[in-house]
């Protein structure tokens, strides 16, 4: 399990993405605890109320100004395939995060290659 804890520690972001910019959290300090070992796998600051509102506003603006609805089905498919490819490349890393956050057995995840 220590390998998963180490992988998870490397994987947690040190900042949030708000409006396309990396922004360190200004809210309450948070710990992610691996329920199977009790180890703290990551510590970071959450979003403040102002950051939460800024993220919602930025997402709404992007949604309203975005062009997803205007894309042809084949263009949407291309975007989703690219997203799938990016997820697949990081499957082991994402699986480690899931294992350390939830204590779920590795075999139950289904993402492991």
N, C-alpha and C. Protein backbone atom coordinates (compact mmCIF):
# COMPACT_ATOMS: atom_id res chain seq x y z
N UNK A 1 0.82 -1.20 0.00
CA UNK A 1 0.00 0.00 0.00
C UNK A 1 0.86 1.26 0.00
N UNK A 2 2.07 1.15 0.51
CA UNK A 2 2.95 2.32 0.56
C UNK A 2 3.22 2.85 -0.83
N UNK A 3 3.30 1.95 -1.83
CA UNK A 3 3.51 2.41 -3.21
C UNK A 3 2.35 3.27 -3.67
N UNK A 4 1.13 2.88 -3.32
CA UNK A 4 -0.03 3.68 -3.70
C UNK A 4 -0.03 5.01 -2.96
N UNK A 5 0.33 5.01 -1.68
CA UNK A 5 0.39 6.26 -0.92
C UNK A 5 1.39 7.22 -1.56
N UNK A 6 2.56 6.71 -1.94
CA UNK A 6 3.58 7.55 -2.56
C UNK A 6 3.10 8.08 -3.91
N UNK A 7 2.46 7.24 -4.70
CA UNK A 7 1.94 7.67 -5.99
C UNK A 7 0.87 8.74 -5.80
N UNK A 8 0.03 8.57 -4.82
CA UNK A 8 -1.03 9.55 -4.56
C UNK A 8 -0.44 10.88 -4.14
N UNK A 9 0.58 10.86 -3.28
CA UNK A 9 1.21 12.10 -2.84
C UNK A 9 1.79 12.87 -4.02
N UNK A 10 2.33 12.16 -4.99
CA UNK A 10 2.89 12.83 -6.17
C UNK A 10 1.80 13.37 -7.07
N UNK A 11 0.60 12.83 -6.99
CA UNK A 11 -0.45 13.14 -7.94
C UNK A 11 -1.36 14.28 -7.54
N UNK A 12 -1.47 14.59 -6.26
CA UNK A 12 -2.38 15.65 -5.85
C UNK A 12 -1.86 16.99 -6.33
N UNK A 13 -2.74 17.79 -6.93
CA UNK A 13 -2.30 19.10 -7.41
C UNK A 13 -2.06 20.05 -6.25
N UNK A 14 -1.15 20.98 -6.45
CA UNK A 14 -0.87 21.97 -5.41
C UNK A 14 -1.74 23.21 -5.59
N UNK A 15 -2.52 23.24 -6.66
CA UNK A 15 -3.37 24.39 -6.93
C UNK A 15 -4.63 23.94 -7.66
N UNK A 16 -5.63 24.81 -7.63
CA UNK A 16 -6.87 24.57 -8.37
C UNK A 16 -6.79 25.31 -9.70
N UNK A 17 -7.60 24.91 -10.62
CA UNK A 17 -7.69 25.60 -11.89
C UNK A 17 -8.99 26.39 -11.90
N UNK A 18 -8.87 27.71 -11.84
CA UNK A 18 -10.03 28.60 -11.83
C UNK A 18 -9.88 29.58 -12.98
N UNK A 19 -10.78 29.51 -13.92
CA UNK A 19 -10.72 30.40 -15.07
C UNK A 19 -9.47 30.20 -15.90
N UNK A 20 -8.96 28.95 -15.93
CA UNK A 20 -7.77 28.65 -16.72
C UNK A 20 -6.46 28.98 -16.04
N UNK A 21 -6.51 29.44 -14.78
CA UNK A 21 -5.28 29.79 -14.06
C UNK A 21 -5.11 28.93 -12.82
N UNK A 22 -3.89 28.46 -12.60
CA UNK A 22 -3.60 27.72 -11.37
C UNK A 22 -3.64 28.68 -10.20
N UNK A 23 -4.42 28.30 -9.19
CA UNK A 23 -4.66 29.16 -8.05
C UNK A 23 -4.52 28.35 -6.77
N UNK A 24 -3.58 28.71 -5.88
CA UNK A 24 -3.48 27.98 -4.61
C UNK A 24 -4.75 28.19 -3.78
N UNK A 25 -5.17 27.15 -3.07
CA UNK A 25 -6.35 27.25 -2.22
C UNK A 25 -6.13 28.23 -1.09
N UNK A 26 -7.19 28.95 -0.74
CA UNK A 26 -7.14 29.92 0.35
C UNK A 26 -8.10 29.55 1.47
N UNK A 27 -8.70 28.37 1.36
CA UNK A 27 -9.70 27.94 2.34
C UNK A 27 -9.11 27.08 3.45
N UNK A 28 -9.95 26.27 4.01
CA UNK A 28 -9.61 25.40 5.13
C UNK A 28 -8.56 24.37 4.73
N UNK A 29 -7.53 24.15 5.57
CA UNK A 29 -6.58 23.06 5.29
C UNK A 29 -7.29 21.71 5.35
N UNK A 30 -6.98 20.84 4.41
CA UNK A 30 -7.61 19.53 4.31
C UNK A 30 -6.56 18.44 4.24
N UNK A 31 -6.86 17.29 4.81
CA UNK A 31 -6.01 16.11 4.71
C UNK A 31 -6.79 15.01 3.99
N UNK A 32 -6.12 14.29 3.12
CA UNK A 32 -6.68 13.09 2.52
C UNK A 32 -6.07 11.92 3.28
N UNK A 33 -6.93 11.12 3.90
CA UNK A 33 -6.47 10.01 4.74
C UNK A 33 -6.83 8.69 4.06
N UNK A 34 -5.84 7.84 3.90
CA UNK A 34 -6.05 6.51 3.34
C UNK A 34 -6.78 5.68 4.40
N UNK A 35 -8.03 5.30 4.13
CA UNK A 35 -8.80 4.58 5.15
C UNK A 35 -8.24 3.20 5.49
N UNK A 36 -7.47 2.61 4.59
CA UNK A 36 -6.94 1.28 4.88
C UNK A 36 -5.68 1.32 5.73
N UNK A 37 -4.95 2.45 5.71
CA UNK A 37 -3.71 2.53 6.50
C UNK A 37 -3.74 3.64 7.55
N UNK A 38 -4.65 4.57 7.41
CA UNK A 38 -4.70 5.71 8.32
C UNK A 38 -3.67 6.78 7.99
N UNK A 39 -2.88 6.55 6.95
CA UNK A 39 -1.83 7.50 6.58
C UNK A 39 -2.42 8.71 5.87
N UNK A 40 -1.85 9.88 6.15
CA UNK A 40 -2.22 11.08 5.42
C UNK A 40 -1.48 11.02 4.09
N UNK A 41 -2.24 10.95 3.00
CA UNK A 41 -1.61 10.84 1.68
C UNK A 41 -1.44 12.19 1.00
N UNK A 42 -2.15 13.19 1.47
CA UNK A 42 -1.99 14.53 0.91
C UNK A 42 -2.58 15.56 1.87
N UNK A 43 -2.02 16.74 1.84
CA UNK A 43 -2.54 17.87 2.60
C UNK A 43 -2.55 19.08 1.66
N UNK A 44 -3.62 19.82 1.72
CA UNK A 44 -3.72 21.01 0.87
C UNK A 44 -4.80 21.91 1.43
N UNK A 45 -4.87 23.12 0.93
CA UNK A 45 -5.92 24.05 1.34
C UNK A 45 -7.05 23.97 0.33
N UNK A 46 -8.26 23.91 0.83
CA UNK A 46 -9.42 23.90 -0.04
C UNK A 46 -9.70 25.30 -0.58
N UNK A 47 -10.75 25.39 -1.33
CA UNK A 47 -11.15 26.68 -1.90
C UNK A 47 -11.83 27.53 -0.84
N UNK A 48 -11.58 28.82 -0.89
CA UNK A 48 -12.32 29.76 -0.04
C UNK A 48 -13.68 29.99 -0.69
N UNK A 49 -14.57 30.64 0.04
CA UNK A 49 -15.89 30.95 -0.52
C UNK A 49 -15.74 31.81 -1.78
N UNK A 50 -14.83 32.77 -1.75
CA UNK A 50 -14.62 33.63 -2.92
C UNK A 50 -14.08 32.83 -4.10
N UNK A 51 -13.17 31.89 -3.84
CA UNK A 51 -12.64 31.05 -4.91
C UNK A 51 -13.73 30.14 -5.47
N UNK A 52 -14.57 29.62 -4.61
CA UNK A 52 -15.69 28.79 -5.03
C UNK A 52 -16.59 29.57 -5.99
N UNK A 53 -16.95 30.78 -5.60
CA UNK A 53 -17.79 31.63 -6.45
C UNK A 53 -17.10 31.97 -7.77
N UNK A 54 -15.79 32.25 -7.70
CA UNK A 54 -15.03 32.57 -8.92
C UNK A 54 -15.01 31.38 -9.86
N UNK A 55 -14.87 30.18 -9.32
CA UNK A 55 -14.86 28.96 -10.15
C UNK A 55 -16.22 28.76 -10.82
N UNK A 56 -17.29 28.96 -10.08
CA UNK A 56 -18.63 28.82 -10.65
C UNK A 56 -18.84 29.86 -11.75
N UNK A 57 -18.44 31.08 -11.48
CA UNK A 57 -18.60 32.15 -12.47
C UNK A 57 -17.80 31.86 -13.73
N UNK A 58 -16.55 31.41 -13.56
CA UNK A 58 -15.71 31.09 -14.72
C UNK A 58 -16.28 29.94 -15.53
N UNK A 59 -16.79 28.93 -14.84
CA UNK A 59 -17.39 27.78 -15.54
C UNK A 59 -18.64 28.20 -16.30
N UNK A 60 -19.45 29.02 -15.68
CA UNK A 60 -20.68 29.49 -16.33
C UNK A 60 -20.34 30.32 -17.58
N UNK A 61 -19.35 31.19 -17.43
CA UNK A 61 -18.94 32.03 -18.56
C UNK A 61 -18.41 31.17 -19.71
N UNK A 62 -17.60 30.18 -19.38
CA UNK A 62 -17.05 29.30 -20.42
C UNK A 62 -18.17 28.51 -21.09
N UNK A 63 -19.11 28.05 -20.29
CA UNK A 63 -20.24 27.30 -20.85
C UNK A 63 -21.04 28.19 -21.80
N UNK A 64 -21.34 29.40 -21.36
CA UNK A 64 -22.15 30.32 -22.17
C UNK A 64 -21.43 30.76 -23.44
N UNK A 65 -20.11 30.89 -23.37
CA UNK A 65 -19.35 31.38 -24.52
C UNK A 65 -18.71 30.25 -25.33
N UNK A 66 -18.82 29.03 -24.83
CA UNK A 66 -18.20 27.89 -25.49
C UNK A 66 -18.94 27.51 -26.76
N UNK A 67 -18.36 26.57 -27.48
CA UNK A 67 -18.96 26.19 -28.75
C UNK A 67 -19.34 24.71 -28.80
N UNK A 68 -19.40 24.04 -27.66
CA UNK A 68 -19.70 22.61 -27.63
C UNK A 68 -21.01 22.29 -28.36
N UNK A 69 -22.03 23.09 -28.09
CA UNK A 69 -23.34 22.85 -28.71
C UNK A 69 -23.30 23.01 -30.23
N UNK A 70 -22.36 23.78 -30.72
CA UNK A 70 -22.25 24.03 -32.16
C UNK A 70 -21.41 22.97 -32.89
N UNK A 71 -20.72 22.12 -32.14
CA UNK A 71 -19.87 21.12 -32.79
C UNK A 71 -20.70 20.01 -33.42
N UNK A 72 -20.19 19.50 -34.54
CA UNK A 72 -20.82 18.34 -35.16
C UNK A 72 -20.54 17.11 -34.29
N UNK A 73 -21.37 16.08 -34.35
CA UNK A 73 -21.13 14.87 -33.56
C UNK A 73 -19.72 14.30 -33.76
N UNK A 74 -19.21 14.33 -34.97
CA UNK A 74 -17.87 13.79 -35.22
C UNK A 74 -16.79 14.62 -34.49
N UNK A 75 -17.02 15.92 -34.37
CA UNK A 75 -16.07 16.78 -33.65
C UNK A 75 -16.14 16.51 -32.14
N UNK A 76 -17.34 16.31 -31.63
CA UNK A 76 -17.49 15.98 -30.21
C UNK A 76 -16.82 14.63 -29.92
N UNK A 77 -17.02 13.68 -30.83
CA UNK A 77 -16.40 12.37 -30.66
C UNK A 77 -14.89 12.48 -30.61
N UNK A 78 -14.32 13.31 -31.45
CA UNK A 78 -12.86 13.50 -31.45
C UNK A 78 -12.38 14.05 -30.12
N UNK A 79 -13.12 15.00 -29.56
CA UNK A 79 -12.75 15.57 -28.26
C UNK A 79 -12.84 14.49 -27.17
N UNK A 80 -13.90 13.72 -27.17
CA UNK A 80 -14.07 12.67 -26.16
C UNK A 80 -13.03 11.57 -26.30
N UNK A 81 -12.65 11.24 -27.51
CA UNK A 81 -11.59 10.24 -27.71
C UNK A 81 -10.25 10.75 -27.19
N UNK A 82 -9.98 12.03 -27.42
CA UNK A 82 -8.73 12.61 -26.89
C UNK A 82 -8.75 12.57 -25.37
N UNK A 83 -9.87 12.92 -24.77
CA UNK A 83 -10.01 12.88 -23.32
C UNK A 83 -9.79 11.45 -22.80
N UNK A 84 -10.38 10.48 -23.47
CA UNK A 84 -10.20 9.08 -23.10
C UNK A 84 -8.72 8.69 -23.18
N UNK A 85 -8.05 9.12 -24.22
CA UNK A 85 -6.63 8.82 -24.36
C UNK A 85 -5.81 9.41 -23.23
N UNK A 86 -6.12 10.64 -22.85
CA UNK A 86 -5.39 11.28 -21.75
C UNK A 86 -5.65 10.56 -20.43
N UNK A 87 -6.88 10.13 -20.21
CA UNK A 87 -7.19 9.36 -19.01
C UNK A 87 -6.47 8.01 -19.00
N UNK A 88 -6.44 7.37 -20.16
CA UNK A 88 -5.81 6.05 -20.26
C UNK A 88 -4.33 6.11 -19.93
N UNK A 89 -3.67 7.16 -20.38
CA UNK A 89 -2.23 7.32 -20.12
C UNK A 89 -1.97 7.41 -18.61
N UNK A 90 -2.92 7.97 -17.88
CA UNK A 90 -2.74 8.17 -16.44
C UNK A 90 -3.55 7.19 -15.60
N UNK A 91 -3.95 6.06 -16.18
CA UNK A 91 -4.81 5.10 -15.48
C UNK A 91 -4.19 4.61 -14.18
N UNK A 92 -2.92 4.24 -14.20
CA UNK A 92 -2.27 3.73 -12.98
C UNK A 92 -2.24 4.80 -11.89
N UNK A 93 -1.93 6.02 -12.28
CA UNK A 93 -1.88 7.13 -11.33
C UNK A 93 -3.27 7.41 -10.74
N UNK A 94 -4.28 7.44 -11.60
CA UNK A 94 -5.64 7.68 -11.13
C UNK A 94 -6.13 6.53 -10.25
N UNK A 95 -5.76 5.32 -10.59
CA UNK A 95 -6.12 4.16 -9.77
C UNK A 95 -5.51 4.28 -8.38
N UNK A 96 -4.25 4.72 -8.31
CA UNK A 96 -3.60 4.90 -7.02
C UNK A 96 -4.34 5.93 -6.17
N UNK A 97 -4.80 6.99 -6.80
CA UNK A 97 -5.56 8.00 -6.06
C UNK A 97 -6.86 7.42 -5.50
N UNK A 98 -7.55 6.65 -6.32
CA UNK A 98 -8.82 6.05 -5.89
C UNK A 98 -8.59 5.09 -4.73
N UNK A 99 -7.56 4.26 -4.84
CA UNK A 99 -7.24 3.30 -3.77
C UNK A 99 -6.93 4.02 -2.47
N UNK A 100 -6.12 5.08 -2.52
CA UNK A 100 -5.72 5.75 -1.28
C UNK A 100 -6.83 6.62 -0.70
N UNK A 101 -7.71 7.14 -1.54
CA UNK A 101 -8.80 7.97 -1.03
C UNK A 101 -9.96 7.16 -0.45
N UNK A 102 -10.20 5.99 -1.02
CA UNK A 102 -11.40 5.25 -0.64
C UNK A 102 -11.12 3.93 0.06
N UNK A 103 -9.92 3.40 -0.10
CA UNK A 103 -9.60 2.09 0.46
C UNK A 103 -10.15 0.95 -0.36
N UNK A 104 -10.66 1.25 -1.55
CA UNK A 104 -11.21 0.23 -2.44
C UNK A 104 -10.07 -0.69 -2.92
N UNK A 105 -10.29 -1.99 -2.96
CA UNK A 105 -9.25 -2.88 -3.48
C UNK A 105 -8.91 -2.55 -4.94
N UNK A 106 -7.66 -2.67 -5.28
CA UNK A 106 -7.19 -2.34 -6.62
C UNK A 106 -7.99 -3.08 -7.69
N UNK A 107 -8.29 -4.34 -7.46
CA UNK A 107 -9.01 -5.14 -8.45
C UNK A 107 -10.41 -4.60 -8.72
N UNK A 108 -10.97 -3.84 -7.81
CA UNK A 108 -12.32 -3.32 -7.97
C UNK A 108 -12.39 -2.07 -8.84
N UNK A 109 -11.26 -1.48 -9.12
CA UNK A 109 -11.26 -0.21 -9.82
C UNK A 109 -11.57 -0.34 -11.29
N UNK A 110 -10.99 -1.32 -11.96
CA UNK A 110 -11.27 -1.52 -13.37
C UNK A 110 -10.49 -0.62 -14.28
N UNK A 111 -9.71 0.31 -13.74
CA UNK A 111 -8.93 1.24 -14.55
C UNK A 111 -7.50 0.73 -14.73
N UNK A 112 -7.09 -0.16 -13.84
CA UNK A 112 -5.71 -0.64 -13.88
C UNK A 112 -5.46 -1.39 -15.17
N UNK A 113 -4.34 -1.06 -15.78
CA UNK A 113 -3.99 -1.72 -17.06
C UNK A 113 -3.32 -3.04 -16.80
